[in-house]
């Protein structure tokens, strides 16, 4: 399967977008704001919350970074006008971190003030380990201006448990916990999936001990079972956490089960014109996704 995955990745970027689109379509909620709003409403009707993300990263132009910033501000307004149960998640390099951290801070603070204006929440997403410290710096900067700002922690990084202890010292610390999808060296990241899951649980427990709010972002059913076992055993209040999944990933009825049992569920919804480049980058970062998408592309309904 790895040979097929590698072959697909190496050829996909040279093929027409119409050929590549089926690989992204189930997992991207369209290209326009109207399209994503329609999908968010559908998610809300299922009693689930949403987090929306405009696809894109590694912006190189100051003008483009400011344009994207304004799009996010407009999106907050649209969420408010439509009374959607939805917040926003943003990658720092999408707002100009590759240009400079000051450029990213300037754009993030504008969005932070807009989130505050509409009483919404802002999630600052995490990317590869070479920008982890810069991302935390941006997070702390935004947090000084508005309390409802959160960040993302990656369970495969060796440093994350220590980061939890440092960051949770601030009031109202809120973090999405994910495994991490970027290729990292063994010196920085755990490679074994079982050990990553173990660290994930330890991070969740540390977050709870520190009085922080967690978003458990995972599609791993066994890990969800382990989280639920710990939650029930320790009687963790349901308002201390939520479960999060990516838009379009099959969960075999687990999300409906969680909602029916009183747990908060949030769906991460990406959209935008950059779906092609985004998909290619994701495939390069994690070749296993190619086989997963290929399998679902030809899966019988």
C-alpha atoms as a PDB file:
ATOM      1  CA  UNK A   1       0.000   0.000   0.000  1.00  0.00           C
ATOM      2  CA  UNK A   2       2.894   2.383   0.702  1.00  0.00           C
ATOM      3  CA  UNK A   3       4.084   2.031  -2.899  1.00  0.00           C
ATOM      4  CA  UNK A   4       0.607   2.985  -4.139  1.00  0.00           C
ATOM      5  CA  UNK A   5       0.467   5.904  -1.690  1.00  0.00           C
ATOM      6  CA  UNK A   6       3.853   7.237  -2.803  1.00  0.00           C
ATOM      7  CA  UNK A   7       2.996   6.850  -6.477  1.00  0.00           C
ATOM      8  CA  UNK A   8      -0.300   8.680  -5.996  1.00  0.00           C
ATOM      9  CA  UNK A   9       1.349  11.547  -4.132  1.00  0.00           C
ATOM     10  CA  UNK A  10       4.118  11.953  -6.709  1.00  0.00           C
ATOM     11  CA  UNK A  11       1.681  12.116  -9.635  1.00  0.00           C
ATOM     12  CA  UNK A  12      -1.350  13.872  -8.136  1.00  0.00           C
ATOM     13  CA  UNK A  13       0.192  17.351  -8.151  1.00  0.00           C
ATOM     14  CA  UNK A  14       0.833  17.091 -11.895  1.00  0.00           C
ATOM     15  CA  UNK A  15      -2.726  16.060 -12.755  1.00  0.00           C
ATOM     16  CA  UNK A  16      -5.697  18.386 -13.394  1.00  0.00           C
ATOM     17  CA  UNK A  17      -7.559  19.655 -10.344  1.00  0.00           C
ATOM     18  CA  UNK A  18     -10.729  17.895 -11.507  1.00  0.00           C
ATOM     19  CA  UNK A  19      -8.898  14.609 -11.004  1.00  0.00           C
ATOM     20  CA  UNK A  20      -7.627  15.532  -7.554  1.00  0.00           C
ATOM     21  CA  UNK A  21     -10.872  17.044  -6.291  1.00  0.00           C
ATOM     22  CA  UNK A  22     -12.527  13.723  -5.320  1.00  0.00           C
ATOM     23  CA  UNK A  23      -9.667  13.161  -2.888  1.00  0.00           C
ATOM     24  CA  UNK A  24     -10.425  16.439  -1.117  1.00  0.00           C
ATOM     25  CA  UNK A  25     -14.200  16.793  -1.603  1.00  0.00           C
ATOM     26  CA  UNK A  26     -15.334  14.563   1.294  1.00  0.00           C
ATOM     27  CA  UNK A  27     -13.067  16.423   3.698  1.00  0.00           C
ATOM     28  CA  UNK A  28     -13.373  20.035   2.526  1.00  0.00           C
ATOM     29  CA  UNK A  29     -16.631  21.958   2.996  1.00  0.00           C
ATOM     30  CA  UNK A  30     -16.464  23.839  -0.296  1.00  0.00           C
ATOM     31  CA  UNK A  31     -14.570  26.825  -1.611  1.00  0.00           C
ATOM     32  CA  UNK A  32     -16.813  29.730  -0.540  1.00  0.00           C
ATOM     33  CA  UNK A  33     -18.132  31.208   2.680  1.00  0.00           C
ATOM     34  CA  UNK A  34     -21.707  30.399   1.651  1.00  0.00           C
ATOM     35  CA  UNK A  35     -20.792  26.748   1.139  1.00  0.00           C
ATOM     36  CA  UNK A  36     -19.127  26.374   4.518  1.00  0.00           C
ATOM     37  CA  UNK A  37     -21.978  28.172   6.306  1.00  0.00           C
ATOM     38  CA  UNK A  38     -24.387  25.651   4.786  1.00  0.00           C
ATOM     39  CA  UNK A  39     -22.316  22.763   6.167  1.00  0.00           C
ATOM     40  CA  UNK A  40     -21.978  24.388   9.595  1.00  0.00           C
ATOM     41  CA  UNK A  41     -25.754  24.726   9.802  1.00  0.00           C
ATOM     42  CA  UNK A  42     -26.071  21.040   8.952  1.00  0.00           C
ATOM     43  CA  UNK A  43     -23.595  20.177  11.711  1.00  0.00           C
ATOM     44  CA  UNK A  44     -25.423  22.396  14.208  1.00  0.00           C
ATOM     45  CA  UNK A  45     -28.710  20.647  13.405  1.00  0.00           C
ATOM     46  CA  UNK A  46     -27.046  17.439  14.556  1.00  0.00           C
ATOM     47  CA  UNK A  47     -26.448  19.142  17.932  1.00  0.00           C
ATOM     48  CA  UNK A  48     -22.733  19.497  17.257  1.00  0.00           C
ATOM     49  CA  UNK A  49     -20.534  22.584  17.320  1.00  0.00           C
ATOM     50  CA  UNK A  50     -18.102  23.571  14.602  1.00  0.00           C
ATOM     51  CA  UNK A  51     -14.707  25.155  14.162  1.00  0.00           C
ATOM     52  CA  UNK A  52     -14.055  26.711  10.774  1.00  0.00           C
ATOM     53  CA  UNK A  53     -10.689  27.131   9.083  1.00  0.00           C
ATOM     54  CA  UNK A  54      -9.905  28.913   5.816  1.00  0.00           C
ATOM     55  CA  UNK A  55      -7.476  26.621   4.035  1.00  0.00           C
ATOM     56  CA  UNK A  56      -3.978  27.936   3.520  1.00  0.00           C
ATOM     57  CA  UNK A  57      -0.584  28.308   5.147  1.00  0.00           C
ATOM     58  CA  UNK A  58       2.916  29.691   4.566  1.00  0.00           C
ATOM     59  CA  UNK A  59       1.708  33.020   3.219  1.00  0.00           C
ATOM     60  CA  UNK A  60       4.641  34.958   1.755  1.00  0.00           C
ATOM     61  CA  UNK A  61       2.984  38.279   0.924  1.00  0.00           C
ATOM     62  CA  UNK A  62       2.104  40.971   3.481  1.00  0.00           C
ATOM     63  CA  UNK A  63      -0.817  42.040   1.314  1.00  0.00           C
ATOM     64  CA  UNK A  64      -2.146  38.493   1.115  1.00  0.00           C
ATOM     65  CA  UNK A  65      -1.766  38.006   4.884  1.00  0.00           C
ATOM     66  CA  UNK A  66      -3.839  41.140   5.498  1.00  0.00           C
ATOM     67  CA  UNK A  67      -6.463  39.997   2.988  1.00  0.00           C
ATOM     68  CA  UNK A  68      -6.790  36.665   4.807  1.00  0.00           C
ATOM     69  CA  UNK A  69      -6.994  38.520   8.119  1.00  0.00           C
ATOM     70  CA  UNK A  70      -9.936  40.559   6.817  1.00  0.00           C
ATOM     71  CA  UNK A  71     -11.618  37.375   5.568  1.00  0.00           C
ATOM     72  CA  UNK A  72     -11.428  35.892   9.053  1.00  0.00           C
ATOM     73  CA  UNK A  73     -12.871  39.084  10.552  1.00  0.00           C
ATOM     74  CA  UNK A  74     -15.742  38.941   8.049  1.00  0.00           C
ATOM     75  CA  UNK A  75     -16.250  35.294   8.947  1.00  0.00           C
ATOM     76  CA  UNK A  76     -16.709  36.162  12.627  1.00  0.00           C
ATOM     77  CA  UNK A  77     -19.364  38.674  11.590  1.00  0.00           C
ATOM     78  CA  UNK A  78     -21.133  36.059   9.435  1.00  0.00           C
ATOM     79  CA  UNK A  79     -21.093  33.538  12.289  1.00  0.00           C
ATOM     80  CA  UNK A  80     -22.691  36.152  14.542  1.00  0.00           C
ATOM     81  CA  UNK A  81     -25.309  37.197  11.979  1.00  0.00           C
ATOM     82  CA  UNK A  82     -26.286  33.580  11.245  1.00  0.00           C
ATOM     83  CA  UNK A  83     -26.300  32.625  14.972  1.00  0.00           C
ATOM     84  CA  UNK A  84     -24.011  29.673  14.262  1.00  0.00           C
ATOM     85  CA  UNK A  85     -22.523  27.484  16.966  1.00  0.00           C
ATOM     86  CA  UNK A  86     -19.058  27.903  15.558  1.00  0.00           C
ATOM     87  CA  UNK A  87     -15.666  29.392  16.326  1.00  0.00           C
ATOM     88  CA  UNK A  88     -12.501  29.862  14.258  1.00  0.00           C
ATOM     89  CA  UNK A  89      -9.099  28.180  14.089  1.00  0.00           C
ATOM     90  CA  UNK A  90      -6.140  29.792  12.324  1.00  0.00           C
ATOM     91  CA  UNK A  91      -2.628  28.665  11.398  1.00  0.00           C
ATOM     92  CA  UNK A  92       0.014  31.298  12.233  1.00  0.00           C
ATOM     93  CA  UNK A  93       1.852  30.890   8.912  1.00  0.00           C
ATOM     94  CA  UNK A  94      -1.410  31.689   7.124  1.00  0.00           C
ATOM     95  CA  UNK A  95      -1.306  35.145   8.717  1.00  0.00           C
ATOM     96  CA  UNK A  96       2.327  35.845   7.912  1.00  0.00           C
ATOM     97  CA  UNK A  97       4.508  34.081  10.488  1.00  0.00           C
ATOM     98  CA  UNK A  98       6.912  33.107   7.692  1.00  0.00           C
ATOM     99  CA  UNK A  99       7.251  36.828   6.927  1.00  0.00           C
ATOM    100  CA  UNK A 100       7.873  37.817  10.553  1.00  0.00           C
ATOM    101  CA  UNK A 101       6.388  37.167  13.962  1.00  0.00           C
ATOM    102  CA  UNK A 102       5.488  40.855  14.207  1.00  0.00           C
ATOM    103  CA  UNK A 103       3.447  40.620  11.017  1.00  0.00           C
ATOM    104  CA  UNK A 104       1.608  37.586  12.403  1.00  0.00           C
ATOM    105  CA  UNK A 105       1.003  39.293  15.760  1.00  0.00           C
ATOM    106  CA  UNK A 106      -0.399  42.388  14.059  1.00  0.00           C
ATOM    107  CA  UNK A 107      -2.861  40.308  12.058  1.00  0.00           C
ATOM    108  CA  UNK A 108      -3.794  38.042  14.945  1.00  0.00           C
ATOM    109  CA  UNK A 109      -4.533  40.951  17.250  1.00  0.00           C
ATOM    110  CA  UNK A 110      -6.967  42.378  14.704  1.00  0.00           C
ATOM    111  CA  UNK A 111      -8.769  39.050  14.572  1.00  0.00           C
ATOM    112  CA  UNK A 112      -8.639  38.732  18.360  1.00  0.00           C
ATOM    113  CA  UNK A 113     -10.362  42.104  18.762  1.00  0.00           C
ATOM    114  CA  UNK A 114     -13.007  41.030  16.241  1.00  0.00           C
ATOM    115  CA  UNK A 115     -13.580  37.773  18.136  1.00  0.00           C
ATOM    116  CA  UNK A 116     -14.023  39.827  21.297  1.00  0.00           C
ATOM    117  CA  UNK A 117     -16.442  42.184  19.536  1.00  0.00           C
ATOM    118  CA  UNK A 118     -18.674  39.244  18.634  1.00  0.00           C
ATOM    119  CA  UNK A 119     -18.082  37.324  21.899  1.00  0.00           C
ATOM    120  CA  UNK A 120     -16.611  34.365  20.058  1.00  0.00           C
ATOM    121  CA  UNK A 121     -13.592  32.132  20.589  1.00  0.00           C
ATOM    122  CA  UNK A 122     -10.287  32.046  18.681  1.00  0.00           C
ATOM    123  CA  UNK A 123      -8.155  28.927  18.337  1.00  0.00           C
ATOM    124  CA  UNK A 124      -4.540  29.400  17.279  1.00  0.00           C
ATOM    125  CA  UNK A 125      -3.577  26.254  15.424  1.00  0.00           C
ATOM    126  CA  UNK A 126      -0.246  24.436  15.661  1.00  0.00           C
ATOM    127  CA  UNK A 127       2.053  23.572  12.795  1.00  0.00           C
ATOM    128  CA  UNK A 128       5.499  21.943  12.625  1.00  0.00           C
ATOM    129  CA  UNK A 129       7.881  22.042  15.576  1.00  0.00           C
ATOM    130  CA  UNK A 130      10.022  24.830  14.089  1.00  0.00           C
ATOM    131  CA  UNK A 131       7.216  27.313  14.859  1.00  0.00           C
ATOM    132  CA  UNK A 132       5.979  25.877  18.176  1.00  0.00           C
ATOM    133  CA  UNK A 133       7.648  28.523  20.332  1.00  0.00           C
ATOM    134  CA  UNK A 134       6.554  31.329  17.992  1.00  0.00           C
ATOM    135  CA  UNK A 135       2.984  30.016  18.078  1.00  0.00           C
ATOM    136  CA  UNK A 136       2.968  30.023  21.881  1.00  0.00           C
ATOM    137  CA  UNK A 137       4.342  33.576  21.838  1.00  0.00           C
ATOM    138  CA  UNK A 138       1.486  34.689  19.564  1.00  0.00           C
ATOM    139  CA  UNK A 139      -1.003  32.849  21.778  1.00  0.00           C
ATOM    140  CA  UNK A 140       0.223  34.607  24.926  1.00  0.00           C
ATOM    141  CA  UNK A 141       0.171  37.956  23.132  1.00  0.00           C
ATOM    142  CA  UNK A 142      -3.448  37.505  22.022  1.00  0.00           C
ATOM    143  CA  UNK A 143      -4.440  36.168  25.436  1.00  0.00           C
ATOM    144  CA  UNK A 144      -3.351  39.451  26.990  1.00  0.00           C
ATOM    145  CA  UNK A 145      -6.018  41.220  24.941  1.00  0.00           C
ATOM    146  CA  UNK A 146      -8.851  38.691  25.198  1.00  0.00           C
ATOM    147  CA  UNK A 147      -9.432  35.730  27.499  1.00  0.00           C
ATOM    148  CA  UNK A 148     -11.245  33.561  24.951  1.00  0.00           C
ATOM    149  CA  UNK A 149      -8.174  32.503  23.003  1.00  0.00           C
ATOM    150  CA  UNK A 150      -6.855  28.956  22.897  1.00  0.00           C
ATOM    151  CA  UNK A 151      -4.044  27.019  21.296  1.00  0.00           C
ATOM    152  CA  UNK A 152      -3.210  23.471  20.165  1.00  0.00           C
ATOM    153  CA  UNK A 153      -0.956  20.846  21.762  1.00  0.00           C
ATOM    154  CA  UNK A 154       0.541  17.910  19.868  1.00  0.00           C
ATOM    155  CA  UNK A 155       0.743  14.625  21.755  1.00  0.00           C
ATOM    156  CA  UNK A 156       3.657  13.231  19.761  1.00  0.00           C
ATOM    157  CA  UNK A 157       6.077  15.953  20.843  1.00  0.00           C
ATOM    158  CA  UNK A 158       8.280  15.076  23.827  1.00  0.00           C
ATOM    159  CA  UNK A 159       7.960  18.633  25.135  1.00  0.00           C
ATOM    160  CA  UNK A 160       4.163  18.795  25.384  1.00  0.00           C
ATOM    161  CA  UNK A 161       3.649  17.651  28.990  1.00  0.00           C
ATOM    162  CA  UNK A 162       6.063  20.336  30.119  1.00  0.00           C
ATOM    163  CA  UNK A 163       4.291  22.877  27.906  1.00  0.00           C
ATOM    164  CA  UNK A 164       0.987  22.011  29.601  1.00  0.00           C
ATOM    165  CA  UNK A 165       2.454  22.782  33.012  1.00  0.00           C
ATOM    166  CA  UNK A 166       3.804  26.123  31.786  1.00  0.00           C
ATOM    167  CA  UNK A 167       0.761  27.271  29.826  1.00  0.00           C
ATOM    168  CA  UNK A 168      -1.872  26.082  32.286  1.00  0.00           C
ATOM    169  CA  UNK A 169      -0.620  28.559  34.845  1.00  0.00           C
ATOM    170  CA  UNK A 170      -2.669  31.204  33.029  1.00  0.00           C
ATOM    171  CA  UNK A 171      -6.352  31.547  33.859  1.00  0.00           C
ATOM    172  CA  UNK A 172      -8.800  29.813  31.553  1.00  0.00           C
ATOM    173  CA  UNK A 173      -6.242  27.849  29.571  1.00  0.00           C
ATOM    174  CA  UNK A 174      -7.959  26.094  26.665  1.00  0.00           C
ATOM    175  CA  UNK A 175      -6.237  23.731  24.259  1.00  0.00           C
ATOM    176  CA  UNK A 176      -7.106  21.285  21.538  1.00  0.00           C
ATOM    177  CA  UNK A 177      -5.071  18.100  21.985  1.00  0.00           C
ATOM    178  CA  UNK A 178      -4.170  16.339  18.764  1.00  0.00           C
ATOM    179  CA  UNK A 179      -1.600  13.682  17.916  1.00  0.00           C
ATOM    180  CA  UNK A 180       0.282  15.760  15.332  1.00  0.00           C
ATOM    181  CA  UNK A 181       0.658  15.104  11.596  1.00  0.00           C
ATOM    182  CA  UNK A 182       3.967  16.714  10.684  1.00  0.00           C
ATOM    183  CA  UNK A 183       7.058  14.608  10.094  1.00  0.00           C
ATOM    184  CA  UNK A 184       9.374  15.192  13.051  1.00  0.00           C
ATOM    185  CA  UNK A 185      12.694  13.578  14.073  1.00  0.00           C
ATOM    186  CA  UNK A 186      12.839  11.080  16.946  1.00  0.00           C
ATOM    187  CA  UNK A 187      14.703  13.650  19.021  1.00  0.00           C
ATOM    188  CA  UNK A 188      11.580  15.830  19.038  1.00  0.00           C
ATOM    189  CA  UNK A 189       8.663  13.444  18.595  1.00  0.00           C
ATOM    190  CA  UNK A 190       7.459  10.029  19.682  1.00  0.00           C
ATOM    191  CA  UNK A 191       7.191   7.699  16.695  1.00  0.00           C
ATOM    192  CA  UNK A 192       5.342   4.704  18.154  1.00  0.00           C
ATOM    193  CA  UNK A 193       1.535   5.090  17.907  1.00  0.00           C
ATOM    194  CA  UNK A 194       0.859   3.295  21.188  1.00  0.00           C
ATOM    195  CA  UNK A 195       3.272   5.558  23.022  1.00  0.00           C
ATOM    196  CA  UNK A 196       1.690   8.603  21.385  1.00  0.00           C
ATOM    197  CA  UNK A 197      -1.719   7.476  22.644  1.00  0.00           C
ATOM    198  CA  UNK A 198      -0.262   6.963  26.109  1.00  0.00           C
ATOM    199  CA  UNK A 199       1.201  10.457  26.080  1.00  0.00           C
ATOM    200  CA  UNK A 200      -2.120  11.811  24.803  1.00  0.00           C
ATOM    201  CA  UNK A 201      -3.876  10.409  27.878  1.00  0.00           C
ATOM    202  CA  UNK A 202      -1.194  11.806  30.166  1.00  0.00           C
ATOM    203  CA  UNK A 203      -1.628  15.237  28.597  1.00  0.00           C
ATOM    204  CA  UNK A 204      -5.416  15.030  29.042  1.00  0.00           C
ATOM    205  CA  UNK A 205      -4.961  14.116  32.693  1.00  0.00           C
ATOM    206  CA  UNK A 206      -2.419  16.877  33.264  1.00  0.00           C
ATOM    207  CA  UNK A 207      -4.765  19.401  31.648  1.00  0.00           C
ATOM    208  CA  UNK A 208      -7.545  18.354  34.009  1.00  0.00           C
ATOM    209  CA  UNK A 209      -5.243  18.516  37.040  1.00  0.00           C
ATOM    210  CA  UNK A 210      -4.248  22.045  36.042  1.00  0.00           C
ATOM    211  CA  UNK A 211      -7.889  23.137  35.703  1.00  0.00           C
ATOM    212  CA  UNK A 212      -7.673  23.647  31.939  1.00  0.00           C
ATOM    213  CA  UNK A 213     -10.271  22.981  29.239  1.00  0.00           C
ATOM    214  CA  UNK A 214      -9.435  20.316  26.645  1.00  0.00           C
ATOM    215  CA  UNK A 215     -10.604  19.583  23.138  1.00  0.00           C
ATOM    216  CA  UNK A 216      -9.934  15.877  22.552  1.00  0.00           C
ATOM    217  CA  UNK A 217      -9.236  15.849  18.821  1.00  0.00           C
ATOM    218  CA  UNK A 218      -8.961  12.243  17.660  1.00  0.00           C
ATOM    219  CA  UNK A 219     -10.606   9.728  15.349  1.00  0.00           C
ATOM    220  CA  UNK A 220      -9.038   6.767  17.114  1.00  0.00           C
ATOM    221  CA  UNK A 221     -11.926   4.797  18.579  1.00  0.00           C
ATOM    222  CA  UNK A 222      -9.698   2.975  21.080  1.00  0.00           C
ATOM    223  CA  UNK A 223      -8.289   6.268  22.331  1.00  0.00           C
ATOM    224  CA  UNK A 224     -11.815   7.645  22.689  1.00  0.00           C
ATOM    225  CA  UNK A 225     -12.699   4.533  24.717  1.00  0.00           C
ATOM    226  CA  UNK A 226      -9.680   5.133  26.965  1.00  0.00           C
ATOM    227  CA  UNK A 227     -10.628   8.774  27.425  1.00  0.00           C
ATOM    228  CA  UNK A 228     -14.204   7.852  28.318  1.00  0.00           C
ATOM    229  CA  UNK A 229     -12.998   5.201  30.774  1.00  0.00           C
ATOM    230  CA  UNK A 230     -10.843   7.805  32.537  1.00  0.00           C
ATOM    231  CA  UNK A 231     -13.632  10.415  32.425  1.00  0.00           C
ATOM    232  CA  UNK A 232     -16.140   8.070  34.038  1.00  0.00           C
ATOM    233  CA  UNK A 233     -13.662   6.734  36.588  1.00  0.00           C
ATOM    234  CA  UNK A 234     -12.515  10.169  37.724  1.00  0.00           C
ATOM    235  CA  UNK A 235     -15.971  11.729  37.261  1.00  0.00           C
ATOM    236  CA  UNK A 236     -14.539  14.495  35.103  1.00  0.00           C
ATOM    237  CA  UNK A 237     -17.261  17.148  34.614  1.00  0.00           C
ATOM    238  CA  UNK A 238     -18.554  17.278  31.041  1.00  0.00           C
ATOM    239  CA  UNK A 239     -18.034  21.036  30.902  1.00  0.00           C
ATOM    240  CA  UNK A 240     -14.269  20.515  31.255  1.00  0.00           C
ATOM    241  CA  UNK A 241     -13.752  19.089  27.774  1.00  0.00           C
ATOM    242  CA  UNK A 242     -15.193  18.299  24.366  1.00  0.00           C
ATOM    243  CA  UNK A 243     -14.548  15.752  21.637  1.00  0.00           C
ATOM    244  CA  UNK A 244     -13.363  17.042  18.258  1.00  0.00           C
ATOM    245  CA  UNK A 245     -13.128  15.440  14.817  1.00  0.00           C
ATOM    246  CA  UNK A 246     -12.296  16.475  11.268  1.00  0.00           C
ATOM    247  CA  UNK A 247     -15.106  17.138   8.837  1.00  0.00           C
ATOM    248  CA  UNK A 248     -15.904  14.121   6.673  1.00  0.00           C
ATOM    249  CA  UNK A 249     -13.948  11.460   8.539  1.00  0.00           C
ATOM    250  CA  UNK A 250     -16.212   8.418   9.123  1.00  0.00           C
ATOM    251  CA  UNK A 251     -16.820   7.731  12.817  1.00  0.00           C
ATOM    252  CA  UNK A 252     -19.306   4.829  12.599  1.00  0.00           C
ATOM    253  CA  UNK A 253     -21.982   6.512  14.700  1.00  0.00           C
ATOM    254  CA  UNK A 254     -19.643   7.391  17.582  1.00  0.00           C
ATOM    255  CA  UNK A 255     -20.343  11.131  17.353  1.00  0.00           C
ATOM    256  CA  UNK A 256     -24.098  10.608  17.620  1.00  0.00           C
ATOM    257  CA  UNK A 257     -23.499   8.301  20.578  1.00  0.00           C
ATOM    258  CA  UNK A 258     -21.410  10.934  22.340  1.00  0.00           C
ATOM    259  CA  UNK A 259     -24.000  13.657  21.739  1.00  0.00           C
ATOM    260  CA  UNK A 260     -26.826  11.400  22.913  1.00  0.00           C
ATOM    261  CA  UNK A 261     -24.890  10.789  26.127  1.00  0.00           C
ATOM    262  CA  UNK A 262     -24.485  14.454  26.877  1.00  0.00           C
ATOM    263  CA  UNK A 263     -20.955  15.037  25.581  1.00  0.00           C
ATOM    264  CA  UNK A 264     -20.030  18.103  23.576  1.00  0.00           C
ATOM    265  CA  UNK A 265     -18.804  17.319  20.066  1.00  0.00           C
ATOM    266  CA  UNK A 266     -17.121  19.779  17.708  1.00  0.00           C
ATOM    267  CA  UNK A 267     -16.391  19.263  14.003  1.00  0.00           C
ATOM    268  CA  UNK A 268     -13.359  20.957  12.472  1.00  0.00           C
ATOM    269  CA  UNK A 269     -14.501  22.313   9.090  1.00  0.00           C
ATOM    270  CA  UNK A 270     -11.898  23.452   6.520  1.00  0.00           C
ATOM    271  CA  UNK A 271     -12.870  25.307   3.350  1.00  0.00           C
ATOM    272  CA  UNK A 272     -11.438  27.610   0.729  1.00  0.00           C
ATOM    273  CA  UNK A 273      -9.872  27.962  -2.683  1.00  0.00           C
ATOM    274  CA  UNK A 274      -6.581  26.554  -1.433  1.00  0.00           C
ATOM    275  CA  UNK A 275      -8.017  23.034  -1.110  1.00  0.00           C
ATOM    276  CA  UNK A 276      -5.688  21.618  -3.793  1.00  0.00           C
ATOM    277  CA  UNK A 277      -2.394  22.814  -2.332  1.00  0.00           C
ATOM    278  CA  UNK A 278      -3.648  21.962   1.149  1.00  0.00           C
ATOM    279  CA  UNK A 279      -4.459  18.399   0.102  1.00  0.00           C
ATOM    280  CA  UNK A 280      -1.086  17.884  -1.572  1.00  0.00           C
ATOM    281  CA  UNK A 281       0.739  19.165   1.509  1.00  0.00           C
ATOM    282  CA  UNK A 282      -1.292  16.947   3.827  1.00  0.00           C
ATOM    283  CA  UNK A 283      -0.568  13.918   1.644  1.00  0.00           C
ATOM    284  CA  UNK A 284       3.152  14.694   1.642  1.00  0.00           C
ATOM    285  CA  UNK A 285       3.203  15.117   5.402  1.00  0.00           C
ATOM    286  CA  UNK A 286       1.323  11.889   5.998  1.00  0.00           C
ATOM    287  CA  UNK A 287       1.395   9.477   3.024  1.00  0.00           C
ATOM    288  CA  UNK A 288      -0.946   7.073   4.837  1.00  0.00           C
ATOM    289  CA  UNK A 289      -3.762   9.527   4.165  1.00  0.00           C
ATOM    290  CA  UNK A 290      -3.526   8.733   0.452  1.00  0.00           C
ATOM    291  CA  UNK A 291      -4.461   5.117   0.978  1.00  0.00           C
ATOM    292  CA  UNK A 292      -7.218   6.123   3.377  1.00  0.00           C
ATOM    293  CA  UNK A 293      -8.753   8.542   0.882  1.00  0.00           C
ATOM    294  CA  UNK A 294      -8.316   6.123  -2.015  1.00  0.00           C
ATOM    295  CA  UNK A 295     -10.120   3.424  -0.078  1.00  0.00           C
ATOM    296  CA  UNK A 296     -13.045   5.712   0.753  1.00  0.00           C
ATOM    297  CA  UNK A 297     -13.170   7.085  -2.780  1.00  0.00           C
ATOM    298  CA  UNK A 298     -14.126   3.677  -4.140  1.00  0.00           C
ATOM    299  CA  UNK A 299     -16.036   2.522  -1.083  1.00  0.00           C
ATOM    300  CA  UNK A 300     -19.556   1.372  -1.866  1.00  0.00           C
ATOM    301  CA  UNK A 301     -22.323   3.482  -0.387  1.00  0.00           C
END
